[in-house]
């Protein structure tokens, strides 16, 4: 049961590492591409949350595993959402 939660958390961490820009990347990153990457990461995080809920509903993971998974994903989802709001504010 916890294997699914660990697998979901690992997938999110890996996608975050792949999507998140590195310091050595080009400095002239366009806001549109950054917003696109953040939107993709937000969609992945929301999908992972939905999968945790479905797995808990189906009995594949325990309620404690679901809560642990949501607590692990929540802070990153908050960061991504705030970054997207900041970009939207800059474009307005």
PDB file of N, CA and C in Angstrom:
ATOM      1  N   UNK A   1       0.815  -1.197   0.000  1.00  0.00           N
ATOM      2  CA  UNK A   1       0.000   0.000   0.000  1.00  0.00           C
ATOM      3  C   UNK A   1       0.855   1.256   0.000  1.00  0.00           C
ATOM      4  N   UNK A   2       1.848   1.277   0.843  1.00  0.00           N
ATOM      5  CA  UNK A   2       2.701   2.463   0.892  1.00  0.00           C
ATOM      6  C   UNK A   2       3.580   2.568  -0.347  1.00  0.00           C
ATOM      7  N   UNK A   3       3.729   1.442  -1.059  1.00  0.00           N
ATOM      8  CA  UNK A   3       4.541   1.481  -2.273  1.00  0.00           C
ATOM      9  C   UNK A   3       3.966   2.455  -3.288  1.00  0.00           C
ATOM     10  N   UNK A   4       2.622   2.484  -3.397  1.00  0.00           N
ATOM     11  CA  UNK A   4       1.977   3.401  -4.343  1.00  0.00           C
ATOM     12  C   UNK A   4       2.203   4.848  -3.956  1.00  0.00           C
ATOM     13  N   UNK A   5       2.123   5.127  -2.665  1.00  0.00           N
ATOM     14  CA  UNK A   5       2.337   6.501  -2.203  1.00  0.00           C
ATOM     15  C   UNK A   5       3.778   6.916  -2.449  1.00  0.00           C
ATOM     16  N   UNK A   6       4.715   6.015  -2.160  1.00  0.00           N
ATOM     17  CA  UNK A   6       6.132   6.316  -2.385  1.00  0.00           C
ATOM     18  C   UNK A   6       6.395   6.507  -3.874  1.00  0.00           C
ATOM     19  N   UNK A   7       5.799   5.659  -4.701  1.00  0.00           N
ATOM     20  CA  UNK A   7       5.974   5.782  -6.148  1.00  0.00           C
ATOM     21  C   UNK A   7       5.415   7.106  -6.664  1.00  0.00           C
ATOM     22  N   UNK A   8       4.243   7.498  -6.173  1.00  0.00           N
ATOM     23  CA  UNK A   8       3.648   8.771  -6.593  1.00  0.00           C
ATOM     24  C   UNK A   8       4.518   9.945  -6.158  1.00  0.00           C
ATOM     25  N   UNK A   9       5.026   9.898  -4.935  1.00  0.00           N
ATOM     26  CA  UNK A   9       5.885  10.982  -4.446  1.00  0.00           C
ATOM     27  C   UNK A   9       7.183  11.056  -5.245  1.00  0.00           C
ATOM     28  N   UNK A  10       7.740   9.897  -5.579  1.00  0.00           N
ATOM     29  CA  UNK A  10       8.967   9.876  -6.369  1.00  0.00           C
ATOM     30  C   UNK A  10       8.722  10.452  -7.761  1.00  0.00           C
ATOM     31  N   UNK A  11       7.586  10.105  -8.357  1.00  0.00           N
ATOM     32  CA  UNK A  11       7.269  10.621  -9.694  1.00  0.00           C
ATOM     33  C   UNK A  11       7.127  12.140  -9.674  1.00  0.00           C
ATOM     34  N   UNK A  12       6.488  12.663  -8.646  1.00  0.00           N
ATOM     35  CA  UNK A  12       6.333  14.111  -8.531  1.00  0.00           C
ATOM     36  C   UNK A  12       7.678  14.782  -8.301  1.00  0.00           C
ATOM     37  N   UNK A  13       8.493  14.197  -7.434  1.00  0.00           N
ATOM     38  CA  UNK A  13       9.816  14.778  -7.177  1.00  0.00           C
ATOM     39  C   UNK A  13      10.658  14.776  -8.449  1.00  0.00           C
ATOM     40  N   UNK A  14      10.593  13.685  -9.200  1.00  0.00           N
ATOM     41  CA  UNK A  14      11.365  13.603 -10.437  1.00  0.00           C
ATOM     42  C   UNK A  14      10.872  14.615 -11.461  1.00  0.00           C
ATOM     43  N   UNK A  15       9.545  14.756 -11.586  1.00  0.00           N
ATOM     44  CA  UNK A  15       9.028  15.725 -12.556  1.00  0.00           C
ATOM     45  C   UNK A  15       9.372  17.148 -12.126  1.00  0.00           C
ATOM     46  N   UNK A  16       9.352  17.402 -10.822  1.00  0.00           N
ATOM     47  CA  UNK A  16       9.744  18.724 -10.337  1.00  0.00           C
ATOM     48  C   UNK A  16      11.199  19.027 -10.637  1.00  0.00           C
ATOM     49  N   UNK A  17      12.058  18.024 -10.487  1.00  0.00           N
ATOM     50  CA  UNK A  17      13.471  18.211 -10.784  1.00  0.00           C
ATOM     51  C   UNK A  17      13.688  18.470 -12.270  1.00  0.00           C
ATOM     52  N   UNK A  18      12.942  17.782 -13.095  1.00  0.00           N
ATOM     53  CA  UNK A  18      13.093  17.941 -14.540  1.00  0.00           C
ATOM     54  C   UNK A  18      12.554  19.288 -14.998  1.00  0.00           C
ATOM     55  N   UNK A  19      11.430  19.706 -14.444  1.00  0.00           N
ATOM     56  CA  UNK A  19      10.768  20.930 -14.892  1.00  0.00           C
ATOM     57  C   UNK A  19      11.421  22.181 -14.322  1.00  0.00           C
ATOM     58  N   UNK A  20      11.895  22.111 -13.093  1.00  0.00           N
ATOM     59  CA  UNK A  20      12.436  23.296 -12.423  1.00  0.00           C
ATOM     60  C   UNK A  20      13.713  23.765 -13.112  1.00  0.00           C
ATOM     61  N   UNK A  21      13.818  25.047 -13.457  1.00  0.00           N
ATOM     62  CA  UNK A  21      15.015  25.545 -14.136  1.00  0.00           C
ATOM     63  C   UNK A  21      16.245  25.506 -13.216  1.00  0.00           C
ATOM     64  N   UNK A  22      17.386  25.228 -13.826  1.00  0.00           N
ATOM     65  CA  UNK A  22      18.641  25.181 -13.066  1.00  0.00           C
ATOM     66  C   UNK A  22      19.350  26.518 -13.192  1.00  0.00           C
ATOM     67  N   UNK A  23      20.275  26.772 -12.267  1.00  0.00           N
ATOM     68  CA  UNK A  23      21.006  28.046 -12.275  1.00  0.00           C
ATOM     69  C   UNK A  23      21.836  28.231 -13.529  1.00  0.00           C
ATOM     70  N   UNK A  24      22.343  27.176 -14.095  1.00  0.00           N
ATOM     71  CA  UNK A  24      23.186  27.271 -15.276  1.00  0.00           C
ATOM     72  C   UNK A  24      22.410  27.478 -16.562  1.00  0.00           C
ATOM     73  N   UNK A  25      21.101  27.412 -16.498  1.00  0.00           N
ATOM     74  CA  UNK A  25      20.295  27.604 -17.700  1.00  0.00           C
ATOM     75  C   UNK A  25      20.406  29.047 -18.177  1.00  0.00           C
ATOM     76  N   UNK A  26      19.981  29.273 -19.394  1.00  0.00           N
ATOM     77  CA  UNK A  26      20.042  30.615 -19.983  1.00  0.00           C
ATOM     78  C   UNK A  26      19.286  31.607 -19.115  1.00  0.00           C
ATOM     79  N   UNK A  27      19.825  32.811 -19.008  1.00  0.00           N
ATOM     80  CA  UNK A  27      19.226  33.825 -18.154  1.00  0.00           C
ATOM     81  C   UNK A  27      18.031  34.514 -18.801  1.00  0.00           C
ATOM     82  N   UNK A  28      17.920  34.410 -20.095  1.00  0.00           N
ATOM     83  CA  UNK A  28      16.832  35.094 -20.789  1.00  0.00           C
ATOM     84  C   UNK A  28      15.624  34.179 -20.991  1.00  0.00           C
ATOM     85  N   UNK A  29      15.242  33.487 -19.927  1.00  0.00           N
ATOM     86  CA  UNK A  29      14.087  32.598 -19.996  1.00  0.00           C
ATOM     87  C   UNK A  29      12.842  33.457 -20.161  1.00  0.00           C
ATOM     88  N   UNK A  30      12.053  33.129 -21.137  1.00  0.00           N
ATOM     89  CA  UNK A  30      10.840  33.904 -21.398  1.00  0.00           C
ATOM     90  C   UNK A  30       9.783  33.567 -20.359  1.00  0.00           C
ATOM     91  N   UNK A  31       9.016  34.557 -20.007  1.00  0.00           N
ATOM     92  CA  UNK A  31       7.961  34.379 -19.021  1.00  0.00           C
ATOM     93  C   UNK A  31       6.939  33.355 -19.503  1.00  0.00           C
ATOM     94  N   UNK A  32       6.651  33.349 -20.798  1.00  0.00           N
ATOM     95  CA  UNK A  32       5.675  32.396 -21.328  1.00  0.00           C
ATOM     96  C   UNK A  32       6.133  30.970 -21.131  1.00  0.00           C
ATOM     97  N   UNK A  33       7.406  30.689 -21.396  1.00  0.00           N
ATOM     98  CA  UNK A  33       7.888  29.325 -21.234  1.00  0.00           C
ATOM     99  C   UNK A  33       7.937  28.946 -19.763  1.00  0.00           C
ATOM    100  N   UNK A  34       8.280  29.895 -18.906  1.00  0.00           N
ATOM    101  CA  UNK A  34       8.293  29.623 -17.468  1.00  0.00           C
ATOM    102  C   UNK A  34       6.878  29.339 -16.976  1.00  0.00           C
ATOM    103  N   UNK A  35       5.929  30.132 -17.429  1.00  0.00           N
ATOM    104  CA  UNK A  35       4.536  29.910 -17.044  1.00  0.00           C
ATOM    105  C   UNK A  35       4.053  28.561 -17.557  1.00  0.00           C
ATOM    106  N   UNK A  36       4.466  28.190 -18.743  1.00  0.00           N
ATOM    107  CA  UNK A  36       4.084  26.897 -19.298  1.00  0.00           C
ATOM    108  C   UNK A  36       4.647  25.742 -18.481  1.00  0.00           C
ATOM    109  N   UNK A  37       5.905  25.871 -18.076  1.00  0.00           N
ATOM    110  CA  UNK A  37       6.521  24.834 -17.255  1.00  0.00           C
ATOM    111  C   UNK A  37       5.836  24.738 -15.900  1.00  0.00           C
ATOM    112  N   UNK A  38       5.552  25.887 -15.302  1.00  0.00           N
ATOM    113  CA  UNK A  38       4.886  25.884 -14.002  1.00  0.00           C
ATOM    114  C   UNK A  38       3.466  25.324 -14.107  1.00  0.00           C
ATOM    115  N   UNK A  39       2.794  25.650 -15.195  1.00  0.00           N
ATOM    116  CA  UNK A  39       1.452  25.117 -15.395  1.00  0.00           C
ATOM    117  C   UNK A  39       1.502  23.600 -15.538  1.00  0.00           C
ATOM    118  N   UNK A  40       2.487  23.103 -16.271  1.00  0.00           N
ATOM    119  CA  UNK A  40       2.649  21.657 -16.412  1.00  0.00           C
ATOM    120  C   UNK A  40       2.951  20.991 -15.079  1.00  0.00           C
ATOM    121  N   UNK A  41       3.817  21.614 -14.294  1.00  0.00           N
ATOM    122  CA  UNK A  41       4.127  21.053 -12.983  1.00  0.00           C
ATOM    123  C   UNK A  41       2.902  21.077 -12.074  1.00  0.00           C
ATOM    124  N   UNK A  42       2.137  22.176 -12.123  1.00  0.00           N
ATOM    125  CA  UNK A  42       0.909  22.255 -11.314  1.00  0.00           C
ATOM    126  C   UNK A  42      -0.061  21.156 -11.710  1.00  0.00           C
ATOM    127  N   UNK A  43      -0.200  20.923 -13.019  1.00  0.00           N
ATOM    128  CA  UNK A  43      -1.090  19.863 -13.484  1.00  0.00           C
ATOM    129  C   UNK A  43      -0.621  18.496 -12.980  1.00  0.00           C
ATOM    130  N   UNK A  44       0.691  18.257 -12.997  1.00  0.00           N
ATOM    131  CA  UNK A  44       1.236  16.990 -12.487  1.00  0.00           C
ATOM    132  C   UNK A  44       0.966  16.832 -10.994  1.00  0.00           C
ATOM    133  N   UNK A  45       1.133  17.903 -10.253  1.00  0.00           N
ATOM    134  CA  UNK A  45       0.884  17.849  -8.809  1.00  0.00           C
ATOM    135  C   UNK A  45      -0.585  17.584  -8.513  1.00  0.00           C
ATOM    136  N   UNK A  46      -1.469  18.249  -9.238  1.00  0.00           N
ATOM    137  CA  UNK A  46      -2.898  18.029  -9.049  1.00  0.00           C
ATOM    138  C   UNK A  46      -3.293  16.598  -9.417  1.00  0.00           C
ATOM    139  N   UNK A  47      -2.681  16.064 -10.467  1.00  0.00           N
ATOM    140  CA  UNK A  47      -2.931  14.682 -10.856  1.00  0.00           C
ATOM    141  C   UNK A  47      -2.470  13.725  -9.760  1.00  0.00           C
ATOM    142  N   UNK A  48      -1.317  13.995  -9.182  1.00  0.00           N
ATOM    143  CA  UNK A  48      -0.806  13.138  -8.105  1.00  0.00           C
ATOM    144  C   UNK A  48      -1.734  13.186  -6.890  1.00  0.00           C
ATOM    145  N   UNK A  49      -2.259  14.367  -6.571  1.00  0.00           N
ATOM    146  CA  UNK A  49      -3.212  14.484  -5.466  1.00  0.00           C
ATOM    147  C   UNK A  49      -4.487  13.687  -5.767  1.00  0.00           C
ATOM    148  N   UNK A  50      -4.958  13.796  -6.981  1.00  0.00           N
ATOM    149  CA  UNK A  50      -6.153  13.068  -7.389  1.00  0.00           C
ATOM    150  C   UNK A  50      -5.920  11.560  -7.303  1.00  0.00           C
ATOM    151  N   UNK A  51      -4.731  11.112  -7.732  1.00  0.00           N
ATOM    152  CA  UNK A  51      -4.406   9.686  -7.662  1.00  0.00           C
ATOM    153  C   UNK A  51      -4.333   9.203  -6.224  1.00  0.00           C
ATOM    154  N   UNK A  52      -3.790  10.029  -5.337  1.00  0.00           N
ATOM    155  CA  UNK A  52      -3.760   9.659  -3.923  1.00  0.00           C
ATOM    156  C   UNK A  52      -5.178   9.478  -3.388  1.00  0.00           C
ATOM    157  N   UNK A  53      -6.070  10.394  -3.740  1.00  0.00           N
ATOM    158  CA  UNK A  53      -7.458  10.301  -3.288  1.00  0.00           C
ATOM    159  C   UNK A  53      -8.132   9.042  -3.844  1.00  0.00           C
ATOM    160  N   UNK A  54      -7.895   8.769  -5.134  1.00  0.00           N
ATOM    161  CA  UNK A  54      -8.492   7.581  -5.746  1.00  0.00           C
ATOM    162  C   UNK A  54      -7.935   6.300  -5.128  1.00  0.00           C
ATOM    163  N   UNK A  55      -6.623   6.265  -4.885  1.00  0.00           N
ATOM    164  CA  UNK A  55      -6.019   5.088  -4.271  1.00  0.00           C
ATOM    165  C   UNK A  55      -6.573   4.858  -2.870  1.00  0.00           C
ATOM    166  N   UNK A  56      -6.778   5.920  -2.119  1.00  0.00           N
ATOM    167  CA  UNK A  56      -7.342   5.786  -0.775  1.00  0.00           C
ATOM    168  C   UNK A  56      -8.793   5.326  -0.853  1.00  0.00           C
ATOM    169  N   UNK A  57      -9.545   5.858  -1.800  1.00  0.00           N
ATOM    170  CA  UNK A  57     -10.949   5.459  -1.954  1.00  0.00           C
ATOM    171  C   UNK A  57     -11.072   3.995  -2.347  1.00  0.00           C
ATOM    172  N   UNK A  58     -10.144   3.522  -3.164  1.00  0.00           N
ATOM    173  CA  UNK A  58     -10.173   2.132  -3.622  1.00  0.00           C
ATOM    174  C   UNK A  58      -9.568   1.176  -2.596  1.00  0.00           C
ATOM    175  N   UNK A  59      -8.969   1.707  -1.548  1.00  0.00           N
ATOM    176  CA  UNK A  59      -8.379   0.858  -0.522  1.00  0.00           C
ATOM    177  C   UNK A  59      -6.976   0.382  -0.835  1.00  0.00           C
ATOM    178  N   UNK A  60      -6.343   0.957  -1.863  1.00  0.00           N
ATOM    179  CA  UNK A  60      -4.979   0.561  -2.209  1.00  0.00           C
ATOM    180  C   UNK A  60      -3.947   1.146  -1.246  1.00  0.00           C
ATOM    181  N   UNK A  61      -4.275   2.276  -0.626  1.00  0.00           N
ATOM    182  CA  UNK A  61      -3.406   2.872   0.385  1.00  0.00           C
ATOM    183  C   UNK A  61      -4.260   3.261   1.588  1.00  0.00           C
ATOM    184  N   UNK A  62      -3.621   3.406   2.710  1.00  0.00           N
ATOM    185  CA  UNK A  62      -4.351   3.769   3.931  1.00  0.00           C
ATOM    186  C   UNK A  62      -4.605   5.275   3.962  1.00  0.00           C
ATOM    187  N   UNK A  63      -5.483   5.674   4.859  1.00  0.00           N
ATOM    188  CA  UNK A  63      -5.773   7.098   5.026  1.00  0.00           C
ATOM    189  C   UNK A  63      -4.529   7.842   5.494  1.00  0.00           C
ATOM    190  N   UNK A  64      -3.708   7.172   6.310  1.00  0.00           N
ATOM    191  CA  UNK A  64      -2.473   7.803   6.782  1.00  0.00           C
ATOM    192  C   UNK A  64      -1.498   8.029   5.629  1.00  0.00           C
ATOM    193  N   UNK A  65      -1.416   7.063   4.719  1.00  0.00           N
ATOM    194  CA  UNK A  65      -0.546   7.223   3.543  1.00  0.00           C
ATOM    195  C   UNK A  65      -1.040   8.352   2.651  1.00  0.00           C
ATOM    196  N   UNK A  66      -2.362   8.456   2.502  1.00  0.00           N
ATOM    197  CA  UNK A  66      -2.940   9.539   1.705  1.00  0.00           C
ATOM    198  C   UNK A  66      -2.595  10.884   2.311  1.00  0.00           C
ATOM    199  N   UNK A  67      -2.758  10.987   3.623  1.00  0.00           N
ATOM    200  CA  UNK A  67      -2.458  12.240   4.307  1.00  0.00           C
ATOM    201  C   UNK A  67      -0.975  12.585   4.191  1.00  0.00           C
ATOM    202  N   UNK A  68      -0.120  11.591   4.334  1.00  0.00           N
ATOM    203  CA  UNK A  68       1.323  11.812   4.203  1.00  0.00           C
ATOM    204  C   UNK A  68       1.673  12.295   2.797  1.00  0.00           C
ATOM    205  N   UNK A  69       1.058  11.684   1.799  1.00  0.00           N
ATOM    206  CA  UNK A  69       1.298  12.091   0.417  1.00  0.00           C
ATOM    207  C   UNK A  69       0.833  13.509   0.140  1.00  0.00           C
ATOM    208  N   UNK A  70      -0.338  13.862   0.660  1.00  0.00           N
ATOM    209  CA  UNK A  70      -0.860  15.216   0.463  1.00  0.00           C
ATOM    210  C   UNK A  70       0.018  16.244   1.164  1.00  0.00           C
ATOM    211  N   UNK A  71       0.502  15.896   2.348  1.00  0.00           N
ATOM    212  CA  UNK A  71       1.396  16.810   3.063  1.00  0.00           C
ATOM    213  C   UNK A  71       2.716  16.995   2.330  1.00  0.00           C
ATOM    214  N   UNK A  72       3.173  15.973   1.642  1.00  0.00           N
ATOM    215  CA  UNK A  72       4.427  16.074   0.893  1.00  0.00           C
ATOM    216  C   UNK A  72       4.251  16.923  -0.367  1.00  0.00           C
ATOM    217  N   UNK A  73       3.091  16.827  -0.999  1.00  0.00           N
ATOM    218  CA  UNK A  73       2.861  17.546  -2.256  1.00  0.00           C
ATOM    219  C   UNK A  73       2.366  18.974  -2.047  1.00  0.00           C
ATOM    220  N   UNK A  74       1.702  19.234  -0.943  1.00  0.00           N
ATOM    221  CA  UNK A  74       1.085  20.531  -0.697  1.00  0.00           C
ATOM    222  C   UNK A  74       2.017  21.729  -0.782  1.00  0.00           C
ATOM    223  N   UNK A  75       3.169  21.699  -0.103  1.00  0.00           N
ATOM    224  CA  UNK A  75       4.050  22.878  -0.148  1.00  0.00           C
ATOM    225  C   UNK A  75       4.527  23.219  -1.559  1.00  0.00           C
ATOM    226  N   UNK A  76       4.858  22.204  -2.354  1.00  0.00           N
ATOM    227  CA  UNK A  76       5.325  22.483  -3.716  1.00  0.00           C
ATOM    228  C   UNK A  76       4.180  23.032  -4.576  1.00  0.00           C
ATOM    229  N   UNK A  77       2.985  22.493  -4.387  1.00  0.00           N
ATOM    230  CA  UNK A  77       1.836  23.011  -5.126  1.00  0.00           C
ATOM    231  C   UNK A  77       1.587  24.471  -4.766  1.00  0.00           C
ATOM    232  N   UNK A  78       1.734  24.818  -3.507  1.00  0.00           N
ATOM    233  CA  UNK A  78       1.564  26.203  -3.065  1.00  0.00           C
ATOM    234  C   UNK A  78       2.617  27.101  -3.726  1.00  0.00           C
ATOM    235  N   UNK A  79       3.881  26.649  -3.769  1.00  0.00           N
ATOM    236  CA  UNK A  79       4.949  27.440  -4.394  1.00  0.00           C
ATOM    237  C   UNK A  79       4.662  27.687  -5.868  1.00  0.00           C
ATOM    238  N   UNK A  80       4.257  26.635  -6.568  1.00  0.00           N
ATOM    239  CA  UNK A  80       3.983  26.750  -7.996  1.00  0.00           C
ATOM    240  C   UNK A  80       2.808  27.688  -8.242  1.00  0.00           C
ATOM    241  N   UNK A  81       1.763  27.563  -7.438  1.00  0.00           N
ATOM    242  CA  UNK A  81       0.595  28.425  -7.590  1.00  0.00           C
ATOM    243  C   UNK A  81       0.955  29.883  -7.351  1.00  0.00           C
ATOM    244  N   UNK A  82       1.749  30.152  -6.316  1.00  0.00           N
ATOM    245  CA  UNK A  82       2.166  31.531  -6.035  1.00  0.00           C
ATOM    246  C   UNK A  82       3.043  32.078  -7.158  1.00  0.00           C
ATOM    247  N   UNK A  83       3.913  31.250  -7.702  1.00  0.00           N
ATOM    248  CA  UNK A  83       4.759  31.698  -8.814  1.00  0.00           C
ATOM    249  C   UNK A  83       3.910  32.028 -10.036  1.00  0.00           C
ATOM    250  N   UNK A  84       2.907  31.209 -10.316  1.00  0.00           N
ATOM    251  CA  UNK A  84       2.016  31.498 -11.448  1.00  0.00           C
ATOM    252  C   UNK A  84       1.234  32.789 -11.221  1.00  0.00           C
ATOM    253  N   UNK A  85       0.795  33.013  -9.999  1.00  0.00           N
ATOM    254  CA  UNK A  85       0.084  34.261  -9.695  1.00  0.00           C
ATOM    255  C   UNK A  85       1.001  35.460  -9.880  1.00  0.00           C
ATOM    256  N   UNK A  86       2.265  35.317  -9.487  1.00  0.00           N
ATOM    257  CA  UNK A  86       3.231  36.415  -9.646  1.00  0.00           C
ATOM    258  C   UNK A  86       3.463  36.711 -11.126  1.00  0.00           C
ATOM    259  N   UNK A  87       3.548  35.676 -11.917  1.00  0.00           N
ATOM    260  CA  UNK A  87       3.726  35.872 -13.368  1.00  0.00           C
ATOM    261  C   UNK A  87       2.510  36.548 -13.957  1.00  0.00           C
ATOM    262  N   UNK A  88       1.318  36.111 -13.547  1.00  0.00           N
ATOM    263  CA  UNK A  88       0.085  36.746 -14.047  1.00  0.00           C
ATOM    264  C   UNK A  88       0.037  38.221 -13.629  1.00  0.00           C
ATOM    265  N   UNK A  89       0.518  38.518 -12.429  1.00  0.00           N
ATOM    266  CA  UNK A  89       0.540  39.912 -11.963  1.00  0.00           C
ATOM    267  C   UNK A  89       1.516  40.743 -12.765  1.00  0.00           C
ATOM    268  N   UNK A  90       2.642  40.140 -13.171  1.00  0.00           N
ATOM    269  CA  UNK A  90       3.633  40.869 -13.970  1.00  0.00           C
ATOM    270  C   UNK A  90       3.122  41.148 -15.371  1.00  0.00           C
ATOM    271  N   UNK A  91       2.296  40.250 -15.891  1.00  0.00           N
ATOM    272  CA  UNK A  91       1.786  40.419 -17.238  1.00  0.00           C
ATOM    273  C   UNK A  91       0.631  41.401 -17.305  1.00  0.00           C
ATOM    274  N   UNK A  92      -0.019  41.644 -16.188  1.00  0.00           N
ATOM    275  CA  UNK A  92      -1.188  42.536 -16.196  1.00  0.00           C
ATOM    276  C   UNK A  92      -0.823  43.983 -16.346  1.00  0.00           C
TER     277      UNK A  92
END
